[in-house]
Protein backbone atom coordinates (compact mmCIF):
# COMPACT_ATOMS: atom_id res chain seq x y z
CA MET A 1 -95.51 33.92 32.09
CA LYS A 2 -94.26 32.76 28.69
CA SER A 3 -92.02 35.83 28.31
CA LEU A 4 -90.59 35.28 31.80
CA LEU A 5 -89.68 31.71 30.88
CA LEU A 6 -88.08 32.87 27.63
CA LEU A 7 -86.09 35.52 29.48
CA SER A 8 -84.78 33.00 32.00
CA VAL A 9 -83.73 30.61 29.21
CA LEU A 10 -81.89 33.41 27.41
CA LEU A 11 -80.12 34.55 30.56
CA SER A 12 -79.08 31.05 31.55
CA SER A 13 -77.61 30.34 28.11
CA ALA A 14 -75.79 33.70 28.14
CA VAL A 15 -74.15 32.84 31.45
CA HIS A 16 -72.79 29.61 29.97
CA ALA A 17 -71.21 31.60 27.14
CA LEU A 18 -69.12 33.73 29.52
CA PRO A 19 -65.47 32.76 29.90
CA GLU A 20 -64.52 30.89 33.04
CA GLN A 21 -61.25 32.72 33.60
CA CYS A 22 -60.42 36.38 33.15
CA LEU A 23 -57.42 37.93 31.47
CA GLN A 24 -55.60 39.56 34.36
CA ASP A 25 -52.16 40.08 35.81
CA PRO A 26 -51.00 36.66 37.05
CA ALA A 27 -49.90 38.34 40.31
CA ARG A 28 -53.47 39.53 41.11
CA THR A 29 -54.78 38.14 44.41
CA GLN A 30 -57.82 40.38 44.98
CA PRO A 31 -61.00 40.72 42.88
CA CYS A 32 -60.63 43.00 39.89
CA PRO A 33 -62.01 46.55 40.34
CA HIS A 34 -62.53 47.20 36.59
CA LEU A 35 -63.76 44.10 34.80
CA ILE A 36 -65.18 44.11 31.27
CA TYR A 37 -66.32 41.48 28.79
CA LYS A 38 -65.12 41.99 25.26
CA GLN A 39 -65.20 40.10 21.97
CA VAL A 40 -61.81 39.97 20.28
CA SER A 41 -60.20 38.16 17.38
CA LEU A 42 -57.36 35.99 18.67
CA SER A 43 -54.88 34.23 16.43
CA GLU A 44 -54.56 30.45 16.63
CA PRO A 45 -51.39 28.41 16.06
CA GLN A 46 -52.61 27.60 12.51
CA GLY A 47 -52.53 31.33 11.78
CA LYS A 48 -56.24 32.00 11.49
CA ALA A 49 -58.14 34.44 13.72
CA VAL A 50 -60.99 33.24 15.92
CA LYS A 51 -63.45 35.53 17.68
CA GLN A 52 -63.71 34.89 21.40
CA LEU A 53 -65.45 36.51 24.33
CA LEU A 54 -62.89 37.53 26.93
CA CYS A 55 -63.21 38.74 30.47
CA VAL A 56 -60.53 41.42 30.98
CA CYS A 57 -59.37 43.14 34.16
CA LEU A 58 -58.54 46.50 32.61
CA SER A 59 -56.97 48.00 35.72
CA ASP A 60 -54.18 45.39 35.54
CA PHE A 61 -53.08 46.72 32.16
CA ALA A 62 -53.46 50.49 32.65
CA ASP A 63 -49.70 51.02 32.32
CA LEU A 64 -49.77 49.41 28.86
CA GLN A 65 -52.71 51.51 27.69
CA THR A 66 -51.14 54.92 28.26
CA PRO A 67 -48.55 56.22 25.79
CA ALA A 68 -44.98 56.24 27.08
CA THR A 69 -43.42 59.70 27.30
CA THR A 70 -39.85 58.70 28.14
CA ASP A 71 -37.39 56.09 26.92
CA ALA A 72 -37.49 54.42 30.34
CA GLN A 73 -41.29 54.11 30.15
CA ARG A 74 -41.11 52.67 26.61
CA ILE A 75 -38.56 50.07 27.71
CA HIS A 76 -40.63 49.20 30.80
CA GLN A 77 -43.78 48.79 28.65
CA LYS A 78 -41.99 46.55 26.15
CA MET A 79 -40.56 44.36 28.90
CA ARG A 80 -43.90 44.13 30.71
CA LEU A 81 -45.75 43.33 27.48
CA LYS A 82 -43.26 40.54 26.67
CA SER A 83 -43.47 39.13 30.18
CA LEU A 84 -47.29 39.23 30.36
CA SER A 85 -47.76 37.74 26.91
CA ALA A 86 -45.48 34.83 27.86
CA GLN A 87 -47.22 34.29 31.22
CA LEU A 88 -50.70 34.49 29.66
CA ASN A 89 -49.67 32.31 26.70
CA MET A 90 -50.79 34.73 24.01
CA SER A 91 -49.08 36.87 21.41
CA GLU A 92 -48.19 40.46 22.24
CA GLN A 93 -50.52 41.63 19.45
CA ASP A 94 -53.44 39.59 20.84
CA LEU A 95 -52.80 40.91 24.34
CA LEU A 96 -52.77 44.51 23.11
CA GLU A 97 -55.99 43.90 21.19
CA ALA A 98 -57.64 42.38 24.27
CA ILE A 99 -56.75 45.24 26.62
CA ARG A 100 -57.65 48.00 24.20
CA TYR A 101 -60.65 49.82 25.67
């Protein structure tokens, strides 16, 4: 009984530590099919890095995870990365770190 109580306390505190919102494409309207939780170091405005637990919808960023093979693909990836980082209010480097699987 004591171990069951301890387990429930641990699980309930772990749930509170999970992020409320997930890093996903702002245009997503359906539930994410490939969701992961990941700890990453994100930079703050003061310039220091802070470790955070992020919920990431990996399927939304698949096009940024595969290497570009043509100039058109490279340009599309750069433009998409710039757009997403602005919409998600994070640096391009932080976004790339977060979606790295």
